[in-house]
Amino acid sequence: MVAVGVVLMLLWRQPAPVWWALLLMNCGLVLAAELFNTALEHALDRLHPERHPAIQLAKDCGAGAVLLSSLTGVSVFVVFMVATWPG
């Protein structure tokens, strides 16, 4: 839903093509990170259903990658808003 909001903001603001590329690439990277994390968690749960510290660490790293890519996306969006704000 956030990606749809970003696209709507881009359509409304009509920025330079570089902003389209940066913001859409960030949306794609966040969604890809989510898919990789989901695949990792499901595979690890299937291979080793019991709790294990190494499995938990792998899951935490996957979730951390999603968080990092999300924060990067938000940062790029904030820079976009500041750079293109009329005034």
N, C-alpha and C. Protein backbone atom coordinates (compact mmCIF):
# COMPACT_ATOMS: atom_id res chain seq x y z
N MET A 1 0.82 -1.19 0.00
CA MET A 1 0.00 0.00 0.00
C MET A 1 0.86 1.25 0.00
N VAL A 2 2.01 1.17 0.67
CA VAL A 2 2.92 2.32 0.68
C VAL A 2 3.45 2.57 -0.72
N ALA A 3 3.75 1.51 -1.46
CA ALA A 3 4.24 1.66 -2.83
C ALA A 3 3.21 2.36 -3.71
N VAL A 4 1.94 2.04 -3.51
CA VAL A 4 0.87 2.71 -4.25
C VAL A 4 0.84 4.19 -3.88
N GLY A 5 1.02 4.50 -2.60
CA GLY A 5 1.08 5.89 -2.16
C GLY A 5 2.24 6.64 -2.79
N VAL A 6 3.39 5.97 -2.91
CA VAL A 6 4.55 6.60 -3.55
C VAL A 6 4.25 6.89 -5.02
N VAL A 7 3.64 5.93 -5.71
CA VAL A 7 3.30 6.14 -7.12
C VAL A 7 2.31 7.29 -7.27
N LEU A 8 1.31 7.34 -6.40
CA LEU A 8 0.35 8.45 -6.45
C LEU A 8 1.03 9.79 -6.20
N MET A 9 1.97 9.83 -5.26
CA MET A 9 2.72 11.06 -5.00
C MET A 9 3.54 11.46 -6.22
N LEU A 10 4.15 10.49 -6.86
CA LEU A 10 4.93 10.79 -8.07
C LEU A 10 4.03 11.32 -9.19
N LEU A 11 2.87 10.72 -9.35
CA LEU A 11 1.94 11.20 -10.38
C LEU A 11 1.46 12.61 -10.08
N TRP A 12 1.24 12.91 -8.81
CA TRP A 12 0.77 14.24 -8.43
C TRP A 12 1.85 15.29 -8.57
N ARG A 13 3.08 14.97 -8.12
CA ARG A 13 4.15 15.95 -8.10
C ARG A 13 4.88 16.09 -9.44
N GLN A 14 4.84 15.05 -10.29
CA GLN A 14 5.50 15.05 -11.60
C GLN A 14 6.98 15.48 -11.51
N PRO A 15 7.78 14.77 -10.71
CA PRO A 15 9.19 15.16 -10.57
C PRO A 15 10.02 14.72 -11.77
N ALA A 16 11.31 15.06 -11.73
CA ALA A 16 12.24 14.64 -12.77
C ALA A 16 12.32 13.11 -12.80
N PRO A 17 12.66 12.55 -13.95
CA PRO A 17 12.72 11.08 -14.08
C PRO A 17 13.65 10.40 -13.07
N VAL A 18 14.70 11.08 -12.62
CA VAL A 18 15.60 10.45 -11.66
C VAL A 18 14.88 10.14 -10.35
N TRP A 19 13.94 10.98 -9.94
CA TRP A 19 13.17 10.71 -8.72
C TRP A 19 12.26 9.51 -8.91
N TRP A 20 11.66 9.40 -10.10
CA TRP A 20 10.85 8.22 -10.39
C TRP A 20 11.71 6.96 -10.23
N ALA A 21 12.89 6.99 -10.83
CA ALA A 21 13.77 5.82 -10.79
C ALA A 21 14.17 5.49 -9.35
N LEU A 22 14.59 6.48 -8.59
CA LEU A 22 15.03 6.24 -7.22
C LEU A 22 13.91 5.70 -6.33
N LEU A 23 12.76 6.33 -6.41
CA LEU A 23 11.67 5.92 -5.53
C LEU A 23 11.08 4.58 -5.93
N LEU A 24 10.91 4.34 -7.22
CA LEU A 24 10.37 3.05 -7.65
C LEU A 24 11.36 1.92 -7.38
N MET A 25 12.66 2.20 -7.54
CA MET A 25 13.66 1.19 -7.24
C MET A 25 13.64 0.86 -5.74
N ASN A 26 13.50 1.86 -4.90
CA ASN A 26 13.41 1.60 -3.46
C ASN A 26 12.17 0.78 -3.11
N CYS A 27 11.05 1.09 -3.74
CA CYS A 27 9.85 0.30 -3.48
C CYS A 27 10.08 -1.16 -3.88
N GLY A 28 10.68 -1.37 -5.03
CA GLY A 28 10.97 -2.73 -5.47
C GLY A 28 11.92 -3.45 -4.56
N LEU A 29 12.94 -2.75 -4.07
CA LEU A 29 13.91 -3.38 -3.17
C LEU A 29 13.28 -3.76 -1.83
N VAL A 30 12.41 -2.93 -1.31
CA VAL A 30 11.74 -3.26 -0.05
C VAL A 30 10.84 -4.48 -0.24
N LEU A 31 10.08 -4.49 -1.34
CA LEU A 31 9.21 -5.64 -1.59
C LEU A 31 10.02 -6.91 -1.82
N ALA A 32 11.14 -6.81 -2.52
CA ALA A 32 12.01 -7.98 -2.74
C ALA A 32 12.58 -8.47 -1.41
N ALA A 33 13.00 -7.55 -0.55
CA ALA A 33 13.53 -7.94 0.76
C ALA A 33 12.45 -8.67 1.57
N GLU A 34 11.22 -8.18 1.50
CA GLU A 34 10.11 -8.85 2.20
C GLU A 34 9.91 -10.27 1.67
N LEU A 35 9.96 -10.43 0.36
CA LEU A 35 9.78 -11.76 -0.23
C LEU A 35 10.92 -12.70 0.16
N PHE A 36 12.16 -12.21 0.12
CA PHE A 36 13.30 -13.04 0.53
C PHE A 36 13.18 -13.44 2.00
N ASN A 37 12.79 -12.50 2.84
CA ASN A 37 12.65 -12.79 4.27
C ASN A 37 11.55 -13.82 4.50
N THR A 38 10.43 -13.68 3.82
CA THR A 38 9.34 -14.64 3.96
C THR A 38 9.79 -16.03 3.51
N ALA A 39 10.49 -16.10 2.38
CA ALA A 39 10.98 -17.38 1.89
C ALA A 39 11.96 -18.01 2.88
N LEU A 40 12.86 -17.20 3.42
CA LEU A 40 13.84 -17.69 4.39
C LEU A 40 13.14 -18.24 5.62
N GLU A 41 12.18 -17.49 6.16
CA GLU A 41 11.48 -17.93 7.37
C GLU A 41 10.71 -19.23 7.13
N HIS A 42 10.02 -19.33 6.01
CA HIS A 42 9.25 -20.54 5.73
C HIS A 42 10.18 -21.74 5.52
N ALA A 43 11.27 -21.54 4.82
CA ALA A 43 12.21 -22.64 4.59
C ALA A 43 12.84 -23.10 5.90
N LEU A 44 13.23 -22.16 6.74
CA LEU A 44 13.85 -22.53 8.02
C LEU A 44 12.85 -23.20 8.95
N ASP A 45 11.62 -22.74 8.95
CA ASP A 45 10.58 -23.38 9.77
C ASP A 45 10.31 -24.80 9.30
N ARG A 46 10.37 -25.00 8.01
CA ARG A 46 10.13 -26.34 7.46
C ARG A 46 11.30 -27.29 7.76
N LEU A 47 12.52 -26.76 7.63
CA LEU A 47 13.69 -27.59 7.86
C LEU A 47 13.95 -27.89 9.34
N HIS A 48 13.63 -26.92 10.19
CA HIS A 48 13.93 -27.08 11.62
C HIS A 48 12.82 -26.40 12.42
N PRO A 49 11.71 -27.12 12.67
CA PRO A 49 10.55 -26.50 13.33
C PRO A 49 10.81 -26.07 14.78
N GLU A 50 11.75 -26.73 15.45
CA GLU A 50 12.03 -26.35 16.84
C GLU A 50 12.85 -25.07 16.89
N ARG A 51 12.79 -24.40 18.04
CA ARG A 51 13.58 -23.18 18.22
C ARG A 51 15.06 -23.55 18.34
N HIS A 52 15.89 -22.76 17.66
CA HIS A 52 17.33 -22.98 17.72
C HIS A 52 18.00 -21.62 17.58
N PRO A 53 19.05 -21.33 18.36
CA PRO A 53 19.68 -20.00 18.30
C PRO A 53 20.18 -19.62 16.90
N ALA A 54 20.73 -20.56 16.16
CA ALA A 54 21.24 -20.24 14.82
C ALA A 54 20.10 -19.92 13.86
N ILE A 55 18.99 -20.65 13.98
CA ILE A 55 17.82 -20.38 13.13
C ILE A 55 17.25 -19.00 13.48
N GLN A 56 17.16 -18.71 14.77
CA GLN A 56 16.64 -17.40 15.19
C GLN A 56 17.52 -16.26 14.69
N LEU A 57 18.83 -16.47 14.72
CA LEU A 57 19.75 -15.44 14.22
C LEU A 57 19.54 -15.20 12.73
N ALA A 58 19.37 -16.27 11.96
CA ALA A 58 19.12 -16.13 10.53
C ALA A 58 17.82 -15.37 10.27
N LYS A 59 16.78 -15.69 11.02
CA LYS A 59 15.50 -14.98 10.88
C LYS A 59 15.64 -13.51 11.27
N ASP A 60 16.37 -13.24 12.35
CA ASP A 60 16.58 -11.86 12.78
C ASP A 60 17.35 -11.06 11.73
N CYS A 61 18.33 -11.70 11.10
CA CYS A 61 19.09 -11.02 10.04
C CYS A 61 18.19 -10.70 8.85
N GLY A 62 17.31 -11.63 8.48
CA GLY A 62 16.37 -11.37 7.40
C GLY A 62 15.44 -10.21 7.73
N ALA A 63 14.93 -10.19 8.94
CA ALA A 63 14.06 -9.09 9.36
C ALA A 63 14.83 -7.78 9.41
N GLY A 64 16.09 -7.84 9.83
CA GLY A 64 16.92 -6.63 9.85
C GLY A 64 17.15 -6.08 8.45
N ALA A 65 17.31 -6.97 7.47
CA ALA A 65 17.48 -6.53 6.09
C ALA A 65 16.24 -5.81 5.59
N VAL A 66 15.07 -6.32 5.95
CA VAL A 66 13.82 -5.66 5.57
C VAL A 66 13.73 -4.29 6.24
N LEU A 67 14.06 -4.22 7.52
CA LEU A 67 14.02 -2.95 8.23
C LEU A 67 14.98 -1.94 7.61
N LEU A 68 16.19 -2.37 7.31
CA LEU A 68 17.18 -1.47 6.72
C LEU A 68 16.73 -0.96 5.36
N SER A 69 16.20 -1.84 4.53
CA SER A 69 15.74 -1.39 3.21
C SER A 69 14.54 -0.46 3.34
N SER A 70 13.67 -0.70 4.32
CA SER A 70 12.53 0.19 4.55
C SER A 70 12.97 1.57 5.01
N LEU A 71 13.93 1.60 5.94
CA LEU A 71 14.42 2.89 6.42
C LEU A 71 15.13 3.66 5.30
N THR A 72 15.84 2.95 4.45
CA THR A 72 16.48 3.60 3.30
C THR A 72 15.42 4.19 2.38
N GLY A 73 14.37 3.43 2.13
CA GLY A 73 13.28 3.93 1.28
C GLY A 73 12.62 5.17 1.86
N VAL A 74 12.38 5.16 3.17
CA VAL A 74 11.78 6.34 3.82
C VAL A 74 12.72 7.53 3.71
N SER A 75 14.00 7.29 3.88
CA SER A 75 14.99 8.38 3.80
C SER A 75 15.00 9.00 2.40
N VAL A 76 14.98 8.17 1.38
CA VAL A 76 14.96 8.69 0.01
C VAL A 76 13.67 9.47 -0.23
N PHE A 77 12.55 8.99 0.30
CA PHE A 77 11.29 9.70 0.13
C PHE A 77 11.32 11.06 0.83
N VAL A 78 11.89 11.12 2.03
CA VAL A 78 12.00 12.40 2.74
C VAL A 78 12.87 13.37 1.95
N VAL A 79 13.98 12.89 1.43
CA VAL A 79 14.85 13.76 0.61
C VAL A 79 14.09 14.24 -0.62
N PHE A 80 13.33 13.36 -1.25
CA PHE A 80 12.50 13.74 -2.40
C PHE A 80 11.52 14.86 -2.03
N MET A 81 10.84 14.69 -0.90
CA MET A 81 9.86 15.71 -0.49
C MET A 81 10.53 17.05 -0.22
N VAL A 82 11.67 17.03 0.46
CA VAL A 82 12.38 18.27 0.76
C VAL A 82 12.89 18.92 -0.52
N ALA A 83 13.46 18.11 -1.42
CA ALA A 83 14.06 18.65 -2.64
C ALA A 83 13.03 19.19 -3.62
N THR A 84 11.84 18.62 -3.61
CA THR A 84 10.83 19.03 -4.62
C THR A 84 9.71 19.88 -4.04
N TRP A 85 9.81 20.21 -2.75
CA TRP A 85 8.74 21.00 -2.13
C TRP A 85 8.74 22.40 -2.73
N PRO A 86 7.58 22.89 -3.15
CA PRO A 86 7.56 24.25 -3.73
C PRO A 86 7.87 25.30 -2.66
N GLY A 87 8.63 26.28 -3.07
CA GLY A 87 8.91 27.32 -2.10
C GLY A 87 10.14 27.97 -2.38
